[in-house]
Amino acid sequence: MNATLKHIVLWKLKDHAEGADKASNALKLKALLDSCAGIVPGMIRFEAIVAQPGLEATYDVLLNSEFASQAALDAYQNHPAHVAIKPFFGAVREARQCMDYLS
């Protein structure tokens, strides 16, 4: 069985940014991520999740993704659709955490 590369990213959003509140920006961020699902070969899993209101959460949006190889992850990172959404993410985030690992 070949190992796959897990790519997990969490974003903590600013209370207000880009003319919207945190909840609105979380939904927009998720929609932008969802638009990147399946954009490169070797993307096995790609799930964007918004933290549920009323439940304990230190971060607001999570990306849980899995790639067949480092080359597939690199292709995603450099894909024009992914590059195009990065400025919005930078504008609305307070903090970002990322972890890549083989499983």
PDB file of N, CA and C in Angstrom:
ATOM      1  N   MET A   1       0.843  -1.193   0.000  1.00  0.00           N
ATOM      2  CA  MET A   1       0.000   0.000   0.000  1.00  0.00           C
ATOM      3  C   MET A   1       0.880   1.246   0.000  1.00  0.00           C
ATOM      4  N   ASN A   2       0.637   2.149  -0.919  1.00  0.00           N
ATOM      5  CA  ASN A   2       1.421   3.382  -0.997  1.00  0.00           C
ATOM      6  C   ASN A   2       0.926   4.396   0.008  1.00  0.00           C
ATOM      7  N   ALA A   3       1.866   5.137   0.578  1.00  0.00           N
ATOM      8  CA  ALA A   3       1.509   6.208   1.507  1.00  0.00           C
ATOM      9  C   ALA A   3       0.893   7.370   0.729  1.00  0.00           C
ATOM     10  N   THR A   4      -0.025   8.043   1.370  1.00  0.00           N
ATOM     11  CA  THR A   4      -0.589   9.258   0.785  1.00  0.00           C
ATOM     12  C   THR A   4      -0.162  10.446   1.631  1.00  0.00           C
ATOM     13  N   LEU A   5      -0.177  11.599   1.027  1.00  0.00           N
ATOM     14  CA  LEU A   5       0.243  12.828   1.696  1.00  0.00           C
ATOM     15  C   LEU A   5      -0.997  13.582   2.163  1.00  0.00           C
ATOM     16  N   LYS A   6      -1.120  13.731   3.466  1.00  0.00           N
ATOM     17  CA  LYS A   6      -2.228  14.484   4.049  1.00  0.00           C
ATOM     18  C   LYS A   6      -1.805  15.950   4.151  1.00  0.00           C
ATOM     19  N   HIS A   7      -2.717  16.842   3.808  1.00  0.00           N
ATOM     20  CA  HIS A   7      -2.477  18.289   3.848  1.00  0.00           C
ATOM     21  C   HIS A   7      -3.647  18.895   4.616  1.00  0.00           C
ATOM     22  N   ILE A   8      -3.373  19.303   5.863  1.00  0.00           N
ATOM     23  CA  ILE A   8      -4.391  19.831   6.753  1.00  0.00           C
ATOM     24  C   ILE A   8      -4.070  21.308   7.005  1.00  0.00           C
ATOM     25  N   VAL A   9      -5.052  22.187   6.803  1.00  0.00           N
ATOM     26  CA  VAL A   9      -4.849  23.618   7.028  1.00  0.00           C
ATOM     27  C   VAL A   9      -6.015  24.133   7.862  1.00  0.00           C
ATOM     28  N   LEU A  10      -5.703  24.997   8.834  1.00  0.00           N
ATOM     29  CA  LEU A  10      -6.723  25.637   9.659  1.00  0.00           C
ATOM     30  C   LEU A  10      -6.543  27.140   9.590  1.00  0.00           C
ATOM     31  N   TRP A  11      -7.674  27.855   9.517  1.00  0.00           N
ATOM     32  CA  TRP A  11      -7.649  29.315   9.494  1.00  0.00           C
ATOM     33  C   TRP A  11      -8.476  29.861  10.641  1.00  0.00           C
ATOM     34  N   LYS A  12      -7.911  30.812  11.357  1.00  0.00           N
ATOM     35  CA  LYS A  12      -8.639  31.620  12.339  1.00  0.00           C
ATOM     36  C   LYS A  12      -8.882  32.957  11.660  1.00  0.00           C
ATOM     37  N   LEU A  13     -10.146  33.368  11.590  1.00  0.00           N
ATOM     38  CA  LEU A  13     -10.493  34.559  10.828  1.00  0.00           C
ATOM     39  C   LEU A  13     -10.631  35.787  11.723  1.00  0.00           C
ATOM     40  N   LYS A  14     -10.396  36.937  11.113  1.00  0.00           N
ATOM     41  CA  LYS A  14     -10.609  38.210  11.793  1.00  0.00           C
ATOM     42  C   LYS A  14     -12.112  38.393  12.021  1.00  0.00           C
ATOM     43  N   ASP A  15     -12.474  39.151  13.060  1.00  0.00           N
ATOM     44  CA  ASP A  15     -13.892  39.401  13.330  1.00  0.00           C
ATOM     45  C   ASP A  15     -14.572  40.118  12.171  1.00  0.00           C
ATOM     46  N   HIS A  16     -13.846  41.062  11.545  1.00  0.00           N
ATOM     47  CA  HIS A  16     -14.360  41.793  10.379  1.00  0.00           C
ATOM     48  C   HIS A  16     -13.211  41.996   9.399  1.00  0.00           C
ATOM     49  N   ALA A  17     -13.473  41.745   8.134  1.00  0.00           N
ATOM     50  CA  ALA A  17     -12.476  41.963   7.086  1.00  0.00           C
ATOM     51  C   ALA A  17     -13.172  41.962   5.738  1.00  0.00           C
ATOM     52  N   GLU A  18     -12.624  42.716   4.803  1.00  0.00           N
ATOM     53  CA  GLU A  18     -13.166  42.755   3.447  1.00  0.00           C
ATOM     54  C   GLU A  18     -14.652  43.110   3.442  1.00  0.00           C
ATOM     55  N   GLY A  19     -15.068  43.953   4.390  1.00  0.00           N
ATOM     56  CA  GLY A  19     -16.448  44.426   4.431  1.00  0.00           C
ATOM     57  C   GLY A  19     -17.462  43.419   4.933  1.00  0.00           C
ATOM     58  N   ALA A  20     -16.999  42.345   5.574  1.00  0.00           N
ATOM     59  CA  ALA A  20     -17.922  41.312   6.043  1.00  0.00           C
ATOM     60  C   ALA A  20     -17.510  40.816   7.423  1.00  0.00           C
ATOM     61  N   ASP A  21     -18.440  40.141   8.093  1.00  0.00           N
ATOM     62  CA  ASP A  21     -18.127  39.576   9.402  1.00  0.00           C
ATOM     63  C   ASP A  21     -17.481  38.198   9.242  1.00  0.00           C
ATOM     64  N   LYS A  22     -17.017  37.677  10.375  1.00  0.00           N
ATOM     65  CA  LYS A  22     -16.301  36.390  10.379  1.00  0.00           C
ATOM     66  C   LYS A  22     -17.136  35.260   9.782  1.00  0.00           C
ATOM     67  N   ALA A  23     -18.407  35.171  10.157  1.00  0.00           N
ATOM     68  CA  ALA A  23     -19.251  34.078   9.666  1.00  0.00           C
ATOM     69  C   ALA A  23     -19.403  34.129   8.149  1.00  0.00           C
ATOM     70  N   SER A  24     -19.614  35.318   7.612  1.00  0.00           N
ATOM     71  CA  SER A  24     -19.748  35.464   6.153  1.00  0.00           C
ATOM     72  C   SER A  24     -18.452  35.120   5.446  1.00  0.00           C
ATOM     73  N   ASN A  25     -17.342  35.584   6.005  1.00  0.00           N
ATOM     74  CA  ASN A  25     -16.048  35.284   5.386  1.00  0.00           C
ATOM     75  C   ASN A  25     -15.707  33.806   5.481  1.00  0.00           C
ATOM     76  N   ALA A  26     -16.120  33.138   6.552  1.00  0.00           N
ATOM     77  CA  ALA A  26     -15.876  31.692   6.667  1.00  0.00           C
ATOM     78  C   ALA A  26     -16.615  30.948   5.558  1.00  0.00           C
ATOM     79  N   LEU A  27     -17.851  31.339   5.298  1.00  0.00           N
ATOM     80  CA  LEU A  27     -18.621  30.686   4.232  1.00  0.00           C
ATOM     81  C   LEU A  27     -18.015  30.970   2.859  1.00  0.00           C
ATOM     82  N   LYS A  28     -17.544  32.200   2.652  1.00  0.00           N
ATOM     83  CA  LYS A  28     -16.914  32.532   1.370  1.00  0.00           C
ATOM     84  C   LYS A  28     -15.603  31.758   1.203  1.00  0.00           C
ATOM     85  N   LEU A  29     -14.823  31.670   2.284  1.00  0.00           N
ATOM     86  CA  LEU A  29     -13.567  30.935   2.234  1.00  0.00           C
ATOM     87  C   LEU A  29     -13.840  29.468   1.884  1.00  0.00           C
ATOM     88  N   LYS A  30     -14.848  28.879   2.516  1.00  0.00           N
ATOM     89  CA  LYS A  30     -15.211  27.488   2.213  1.00  0.00           C
ATOM     90  C   LYS A  30     -15.616  27.342   0.752  1.00  0.00           C
ATOM     91  N   ALA A  31     -16.430  28.264   0.253  1.00  0.00           N
ATOM     92  CA  ALA A  31     -16.870  28.190  -1.147  1.00  0.00           C
ATOM     93  C   ALA A  31     -15.679  28.294  -2.099  1.00  0.00           C
ATOM     94  N   LEU A  32     -14.735  29.160  -1.781  1.00  0.00           N
ATOM     95  CA  LEU A  32     -13.536  29.283  -2.617  1.00  0.00           C
ATOM     96  C   LEU A  32     -12.721  27.991  -2.584  1.00  0.00           C
ATOM     97  N   LEU A  33     -12.579  27.404  -1.413  1.00  0.00           N
ATOM     98  CA  LEU A  33     -11.881  26.119  -1.317  1.00  0.00           C
ATOM     99  C   LEU A  33     -12.628  25.041  -2.102  1.00  0.00           C
ATOM    100  N   ASP A  34     -13.943  24.982  -1.916  1.00  0.00           N
ATOM    101  CA  ASP A  34     -14.743  23.977  -2.634  1.00  0.00           C
ATOM    102  C   ASP A  34     -14.544  24.077  -4.148  1.00  0.00           C
ATOM    103  N   SER A  35     -14.314  25.291  -4.637  1.00  0.00           N
ATOM    104  CA  SER A  35     -14.116  25.480  -6.080  1.00  0.00           C
ATOM    105  C   SER A  35     -12.798  24.869  -6.558  1.00  0.00           C
ATOM    106  N   CYS A  36     -11.921  24.528  -5.622  1.00  0.00           N
ATOM    107  CA  CYS A  36     -10.630  23.927  -5.980  1.00  0.00           C
ATOM    108  C   CYS A  36     -10.650  22.397  -5.927  1.00  0.00           C
ATOM    109  N   ALA A  37     -11.744  21.814  -5.476  1.00  0.00           N
ATOM    110  CA  ALA A  37     -11.824  20.354  -5.387  1.00  0.00           C
ATOM    111  C   ALA A  37     -11.663  19.737  -6.773  1.00  0.00           C
ATOM    112  N   GLY A  38     -10.781  18.764  -6.877  1.00  0.00           N
ATOM    113  CA  GLY A  38     -10.607  18.026  -8.119  1.00  0.00           C
ATOM    114  C   GLY A  38      -9.848  18.740  -9.225  1.00  0.00           C
ATOM    115  N   ILE A  39      -9.159  19.838  -8.902  1.00  0.00           N
ATOM    116  CA  ILE A  39      -8.511  20.612  -9.970  1.00  0.00           C
ATOM    117  C   ILE A  39      -7.218  19.997 -10.485  1.00  0.00           C
ATOM    118  N   VAL A  40      -6.653  19.024  -9.747  1.00  0.00           N
ATOM    119  CA  VAL A  40      -5.418  18.389 -10.218  1.00  0.00           C
ATOM    120  C   VAL A  40      -5.519  16.871 -10.087  1.00  0.00           C
ATOM    121  N   PRO A  41      -4.856  16.152 -10.975  1.00  0.00           N
ATOM    122  CA  PRO A  41      -4.770  14.702 -10.820  1.00  0.00           C
ATOM    123  C   PRO A  41      -4.028  14.375  -9.528  1.00  0.00           C
ATOM    124  N   GLY A  42      -4.420  13.311  -8.880  1.00  0.00           N
ATOM    125  CA  GLY A  42      -3.748  12.891  -7.656  1.00  0.00           C
ATOM    126  C   GLY A  42      -4.335  13.491  -6.396  1.00  0.00           C
ATOM    127  N   MET A  43      -5.377  14.305  -6.538  1.00  0.00           N
ATOM    128  CA  MET A  43      -6.098  14.828  -5.370  1.00  0.00           C
ATOM    129  C   MET A  43      -7.101  13.751  -4.970  1.00  0.00           C
ATOM    130  N   ILE A  44      -6.886  13.147  -3.826  1.00  0.00           N
ATOM    131  CA  ILE A  44      -7.708  12.019  -3.394  1.00  0.00           C
ATOM    132  C   ILE A  44      -8.894  12.473  -2.549  1.00  0.00           C
ATOM    133  N   ARG A  45      -8.635  13.413  -1.672  1.00  0.00           N
ATOM    134  CA  ARG A  45      -9.679  13.931  -0.777  1.00  0.00           C
ATOM    135  C   ARG A  45      -9.502  15.434  -0.653  1.00  0.00           C
ATOM    136  N   PHE A  46     -10.620  16.156  -0.586  1.00  0.00           N
ATOM    137  CA  PHE A  46     -10.554  17.609  -0.470  1.00  0.00           C
ATOM    138  C   PHE A  46     -11.846  18.065   0.178  1.00  0.00           C
ATOM    139  N   GLU A  47     -11.784  18.361   1.466  1.00  0.00           N
ATOM    140  CA  GLU A  47     -12.978  18.703   2.225  1.00  0.00           C
ATOM    141  C   GLU A  47     -12.735  19.970   3.034  1.00  0.00           C
ATOM    142  N   ALA A  48     -13.537  20.996   2.778  1.00  0.00           N
ATOM    143  CA  ALA A  48     -13.476  22.246   3.533  1.00  0.00           C
ATOM    144  C   ALA A  48     -14.634  22.262   4.527  1.00  0.00           C
ATOM    145  N   ILE A  49     -14.330  22.636   5.764  1.00  0.00           N
ATOM    146  CA  ILE A  49     -15.311  22.572   6.842  1.00  0.00           C
ATOM    147  C   ILE A  49     -15.300  23.890   7.613  1.00  0.00           C
ATOM    148  N   VAL A  50     -16.484  24.415   7.900  1.00  0.00           N
ATOM    149  CA  VAL A  50     -16.630  25.600   8.741  1.00  0.00           C
ATOM    150  C   VAL A  50     -17.017  25.130  10.137  1.00  0.00           C
ATOM    151  N   ALA A  51     -16.363  25.676  11.153  1.00  0.00           N
ATOM    152  CA  ALA A  51     -16.682  25.326  12.537  1.00  0.00           C
ATOM    153  C   ALA A  51     -18.150  25.640  12.830  1.00  0.00           C
ATOM    154  N   GLN A  52     -18.793  24.778  13.562  1.00  0.00           N
ATOM    155  CA  GLN A  52     -20.203  24.945  13.876  1.00  0.00           C
ATOM    156  C   GLN A  52     -20.398  25.973  14.982  1.00  0.00           C
ATOM    157  N   PRO A  53     -21.304  26.924  14.800  1.00  0.00           N
ATOM    158  CA  PRO A  53     -21.567  27.915  15.850  1.00  0.00           C
ATOM    159  C   PRO A  53     -22.008  27.229  17.138  1.00  0.00           C
ATOM    160  N   GLY A  54     -21.548  27.758  18.254  1.00  0.00           N
ATOM    161  CA  GLY A  54     -21.952  27.225  19.546  1.00  0.00           C
ATOM    162  C   GLY A  54     -21.098  26.078  20.049  1.00  0.00           C
ATOM    163  N   LEU A  55     -20.230  25.539  19.204  1.00  0.00           N
ATOM    164  CA  LEU A  55     -19.333  24.474  19.634  1.00  0.00           C
ATOM    165  C   LEU A  55     -17.930  25.035  19.831  1.00  0.00           C
ATOM    166  N   GLU A  56     -17.212  24.487  20.773  1.00  0.00           N
ATOM    167  CA  GLU A  56     -15.852  24.935  21.067  1.00  0.00           C
ATOM    168  C   GLU A  56     -14.969  24.774  19.830  1.00  0.00           C
ATOM    169  N   ALA A  57     -14.335  25.854  19.406  1.00  0.00           N
ATOM    170  CA  ALA A  57     -13.434  25.805  18.255  1.00  0.00           C
ATOM    171  C   ALA A  57     -12.423  26.937  18.376  1.00  0.00           C
ATOM    172  N   THR A  58     -11.159  26.619  18.173  1.00  0.00           N
ATOM    173  CA  THR A  58     -10.125  27.651  18.210  1.00  0.00           C
ATOM    174  C   THR A  58      -9.842  28.207  16.823  1.00  0.00           C
ATOM    175  N   TYR A  59     -10.272  27.486  15.791  1.00  0.00           N
ATOM    176  CA  TYR A  59     -10.113  27.933  14.408  1.00  0.00           C
ATOM    177  C   TYR A  59     -11.469  27.877  13.721  1.00  0.00           C
ATOM    178  N   ASP A  60     -11.613  28.622  12.643  1.00  0.00           N
ATOM    179  CA  ASP A  60     -12.917  28.808  12.019  1.00  0.00           C
ATOM    180  C   ASP A  60     -13.169  27.945  10.791  1.00  0.00           C
ATOM    181  N   VAL A  61     -12.114  27.661  10.031  1.00  0.00           N
ATOM    182  CA  VAL A  61     -12.249  26.873   8.803  1.00  0.00           C
ATOM    183  C   VAL A  61     -11.114  25.857   8.757  1.00  0.00           C
ATOM    184  N   LEU A  62     -11.441  24.658   8.288  1.00  0.00           N
ATOM    185  CA  LEU A  62     -10.468  23.571   8.181  1.00  0.00           C
ATOM    186  C   LEU A  62     -10.487  23.030   6.757  1.00  0.00           C
ATOM    187  N   LEU A  63      -9.308  22.774   6.213  1.00  0.00           N
ATOM    188  CA  LEU A  63      -9.188  22.033   4.964  1.00  0.00           C
ATOM    189  C   LEU A  63      -8.545  20.699   5.298  1.00  0.00           C
ATOM    190  N   ASN A  64      -9.249  19.621   4.973  1.00  0.00           N
ATOM    191  CA  ASN A  64      -8.746  18.271   5.176  1.00  0.00           C
ATOM    192  C   ASN A  64      -8.576  17.667   3.789  1.00  0.00           C
ATOM    193  N   SER A  65      -7.324  17.545   3.346  1.00  0.00           N
ATOM    194  CA  SER A  65      -7.096  17.059   1.987  1.00  0.00           C
ATOM    195  C   SER A  65      -6.028  15.979   1.971  1.00  0.00           C
ATOM    196  N   GLU A  66      -6.033  15.227   0.890  1.00  0.00           N
ATOM    197  CA  GLU A  66      -5.111  14.103   0.748  1.00  0.00           C
ATOM    198  C   GLU A  66      -4.696  14.005  -0.717  1.00  0.00           C
ATOM    199  N   PHE A  67      -3.416  13.764  -0.923  1.00  0.00           N
ATOM    200  CA  PHE A  67      -2.846  13.723  -2.259  1.00  0.00           C
ATOM    201  C   PHE A  67      -2.051  12.436  -2.451  1.00  0.00           C
ATOM    202  N   ALA A  68      -2.004  11.972  -3.679  1.00  0.00           N
ATOM    203  CA  ALA A  68      -1.298  10.733  -3.994  1.00  0.00           C
ATOM    204  C   ALA A  68       0.217  10.882  -3.873  1.00  0.00           C
ATOM    205  N   SER A  69       0.708  12.124  -3.978  1.00  0.00           N
ATOM    206  CA  SER A  69       2.158  12.351  -3.967  1.00  0.00           C
ATOM    207  C   SER A  69       2.467  13.813  -3.664  1.00  0.00           C
ATOM    208  N   GLN A  70       3.729  14.083  -3.384  1.00  0.00           N
ATOM    209  CA  GLN A  70       4.176  15.464  -3.205  1.00  0.00           C
ATOM    210  C   GLN A  70       3.970  16.244  -4.501  1.00  0.00           C
ATOM    211  N   ALA A  71       4.179  15.587  -5.632  1.00  0.00           N
ATOM    212  CA  ALA A  71       3.989  16.260  -6.922  1.00  0.00           C
ATOM    213  C   ALA A  71       2.536  16.706  -7.099  1.00  0.00           C
ATOM    214  N   ALA A  72       1.575  15.886  -6.653  1.00  0.00           N
ATOM    215  CA  ALA A  72       0.162  16.258  -6.752  1.00  0.00           C
ATOM    216  C   ALA A  72      -0.141  17.453  -5.848  1.00  0.00           C
ATOM    217  N   LEU A  73       0.413  17.451  -4.623  1.00  0.00           N
ATOM    218  CA  LEU A  73       0.219  18.595  -3.725  1.00  0.00           C
ATOM    219  C   LEU A  73       0.854  19.850  -4.315  1.00  0.00           C
ATOM    220  N   ASP A  74       2.041  19.714  -4.863  1.00  0.00           N
ATOM    221  CA  ASP A  74       2.704  20.863  -5.490  1.00  0.00           C
ATOM    222  C   ASP A  74       1.881  21.403  -6.657  1.00  0.00           C
ATOM    223  N   ALA A  75       1.290  20.502  -7.443  1.00  0.00           N
ATOM    224  CA  ALA A  75       0.459  20.928  -8.572  1.00  0.00           C
ATOM    225  C   ALA A  75      -0.746  21.719  -8.070  1.00  0.00           C
ATOM    226  N   TYR A  76      -1.345  21.257  -6.974  1.00  0.00           N
ATOM    227  CA  TYR A  76      -2.466  21.990  -6.378  1.00  0.00           C
ATOM    228  C   TYR A  76      -2.005  23.365  -5.882  1.00  0.00           C
ATOM    229  N   GLN A  77      -0.906  23.397  -5.153  1.00  0.00           N
ATOM    230  CA  GLN A  77      -0.405  24.654  -4.583  1.00  0.00           C
ATOM    231  C   GLN A  77      -0.150  25.694  -5.666  1.00  0.00           C
ATOM    232  N   ASN A  78       0.305  25.253  -6.829  1.00  0.00           N
ATOM    233  CA  ASN A  78       0.679  26.165  -7.908  1.00  0.00           C
ATOM    234  C   ASN A  78      -0.395  26.337  -8.976  1.00  0.00           C
ATOM    235  N   HIS A  79      -1.518  25.657  -8.832  1.00  0.00           N
ATOM    236  CA  HIS A  79      -2.587  25.744  -9.819  1.00  0.00           C
ATOM    237  C   HIS A  79      -3.172  27.166  -9.814  1.00  0.00           C
ATOM    238  N   PRO A  80      -3.448  27.733 -10.983  1.00  0.00           N
ATOM    239  CA  PRO A  80      -3.980  29.105 -11.050  1.00  0.00           C
ATOM    240  C   PRO A  80      -5.254  29.326 -10.226  1.00  0.00           C
ATOM    241  N   ALA A  81      -6.121  28.330 -10.134  1.00  0.00           N
ATOM    242  CA  ALA A  81      -7.354  28.481  -9.345  1.00  0.00           C
ATOM    243  C   ALA A  81      -7.035  28.640  -7.863  1.00  0.00           C
ATOM    244  N   HIS A  82      -6.022  27.909  -7.385  1.00  0.00           N
ATOM    245  CA  HIS A  82      -5.615  28.015  -5.981  1.00  0.00           C
ATOM    246  C   HIS A  82      -4.881  29.328  -5.731  1.00  0.00           C
ATOM    247  N   VAL A  83      -3.989  29.671  -6.617  1.00  0.00           N
ATOM    248  CA  VAL A  83      -3.228  30.924  -6.473  1.00  0.00           C
ATOM    249  C   VAL A  83      -4.184  32.122  -6.449  1.00  0.00           C
ATOM    250  N   ALA A  84      -5.244  32.075  -7.235  1.00  0.00           N
ATOM    251  CA  ALA A  84      -6.183  33.195  -7.350  1.00  0.00           C
ATOM    252  C   ALA A  84      -6.952  33.466  -6.059  1.00  0.00           C
ATOM    253  N   ILE A  85      -7.150  32.458  -5.218  1.00  0.00           N
ATOM    254  CA  ILE A  85      -7.925  32.670  -3.994  1.00  0.00           C
ATOM    255  C   ILE A  85      -7.061  33.097  -2.806  1.00  0.00           C
ATOM    256  N   LYS A  86      -5.764  32.991  -2.929  1.00  0.00           N
ATOM    257  CA  LYS A  86      -4.872  33.297  -1.809  1.00  0.00           C
ATOM    258  C   LYS A  86      -4.990  34.732  -1.285  1.00  0.00           C
ATOM    259  N   PRO A  87      -5.147  35.755  -2.129  1.00  0.00           N
ATOM    260  CA  PRO A  87      -5.248  37.115  -1.586  1.00  0.00           C
ATOM    261  C   PRO A  87      -6.435  37.292  -0.628  1.00  0.00           C
ATOM    262  N   PHE A  88      -7.570  36.695  -0.937  1.00  0.00           N
ATOM    263  CA  PHE A  88      -8.711  36.794  -0.031  1.00  0.00           C
ATOM    264  C   PHE A  88      -8.391  36.130   1.303  1.00  0.00           C
ATOM    265  N   PHE A  89      -7.789  34.967   1.253  1.00  0.00           N
ATOM    266  CA  PHE A  89      -7.439  34.255   2.485  1.00  0.00           C
ATOM    267  C   PHE A  89      -6.514  35.107   3.344  1.00  0.00           C
ATOM    268  N   GLY A  90      -5.519  35.715   2.715  1.00  0.00           N
ATOM    269  CA  GLY A  90      -4.586  36.565   3.442  1.00  0.00           C
ATOM    270  C   GLY A  90      -5.264  37.767   4.064  1.00  0.00           C
ATOM    271  N   ALA A  91      -6.271  38.304   3.391  1.00  0.00           N
ATOM    272  CA  ALA A  91      -6.958  39.498   3.880  1.00  0.00           C
ATOM    273  C   ALA A  91      -7.874  39.209   5.063  1.00  0.00           C
ATOM    274  N   VAL A  92      -8.434  38.009   5.143  1.00  0.00           N
ATOM    275  CA  VAL A  92      -9.424  37.730   6.190  1.00  0.00           C
ATOM    276  C   VAL A  92      -8.875  36.912   7.350  1.00  0.00           C
ATOM    277  N   ARG A  93      -7.701  36.362   7.225  1.00  0.00           N
ATOM    278  CA  ARG A  93      -7.204  35.494   8.289  1.00  0.00           C
ATOM    279  C   ARG A  93      -6.447  36.264   9.368  1.00  0.00           C
ATOM    280  N   GLU A  94      -6.648  35.788  10.577  1.00  0.00           N
ATOM    281  CA  GLU A  94      -5.871  36.263  11.720  1.00  0.00           C
ATOM    282  C   GLU A  94      -4.671  35.343  11.926  1.00  0.00           C
ATOM    283  N   ALA A  95      -4.892  34.045  11.709  1.00  0.00           N
ATOM    284  CA  ALA A  95      -3.827  33.058  11.880  1.00  0.00           C
ATOM    285  C   ALA A  95      -4.098  31.871  10.968  1.00  0.00           C
ATOM    286  N   ARG A  96      -3.019  31.137  10.665  1.00  0.00           N
ATOM    287  CA  ARG A  96      -3.113  29.954   9.805  1.00  0.00           C
ATOM    288  C   ARG A  96      -2.168  28.903  10.335  1.00  0.00           C
ATOM    289  N   GLN A  97      -2.609  27.678  10.354  1.00  0.00           N
ATOM    290  CA  GLN A  97      -1.765  26.543  10.737  1.00  0.00           C
ATOM    291  C   GLN A  97      -1.849  25.517   9.615  1.00  0.00           C
ATOM    292  N   CYS A  98      -0.748  24.856   9.340  1.00  0.00           N
ATOM    293  CA  CYS A  98      -0.717  23.843   8.293  1.00  0.00           C
ATOM    294  C   CYS A  98       0.125  22.666   8.760  1.00  0.00           C
ATOM    295  N   MET A  99      -0.325  21.465   8.407  1.00  0.00           N
ATOM    296  CA  MET A  99       0.470  20.270   8.692  1.00  0.00           C
ATOM    297  C   MET A  99       0.343  19.324   7.523  1.00  0.00           C
ATOM    298  N   ASP A 100       1.486  18.901   6.996  1.00  0.00           N
ATOM    299  CA  ASP A 100       1.540  17.876   5.952  1.00  0.00           C
ATOM    300  C   ASP A 100       2.209  16.658   6.554  1.00  0.00           C
ATOM    301  N   TYR A 101       1.668  15.468   6.260  1.00  0.00           N
ATOM    302  CA  TYR A 101       2.276  14.247   6.770  1.00  0.00           C
ATOM    303  C   TYR A 101       1.887  13.059   5.887  1.00  0.00           C
ATOM    304  N   LEU A 102       2.734  12.054   5.917  1.00  0.00           N
ATOM    305  CA  LEU A 102       2.468  10.828   5.169  1.00  0.00           C
ATOM    306  C   LEU A 102       1.683   9.879   6.032  1.00  0.00           C
ATOM    307  N   SER A 103       0.720   9.192   5.416  1.00  0.00           N
ATOM    308  CA  SER A 103      -0.022   8.197   6.165  1.00  0.00           C
ATOM    309  C   SER A 103      -0.280   6.979   5.302  1.00  0.00           C
TER     310      SER A 103
END
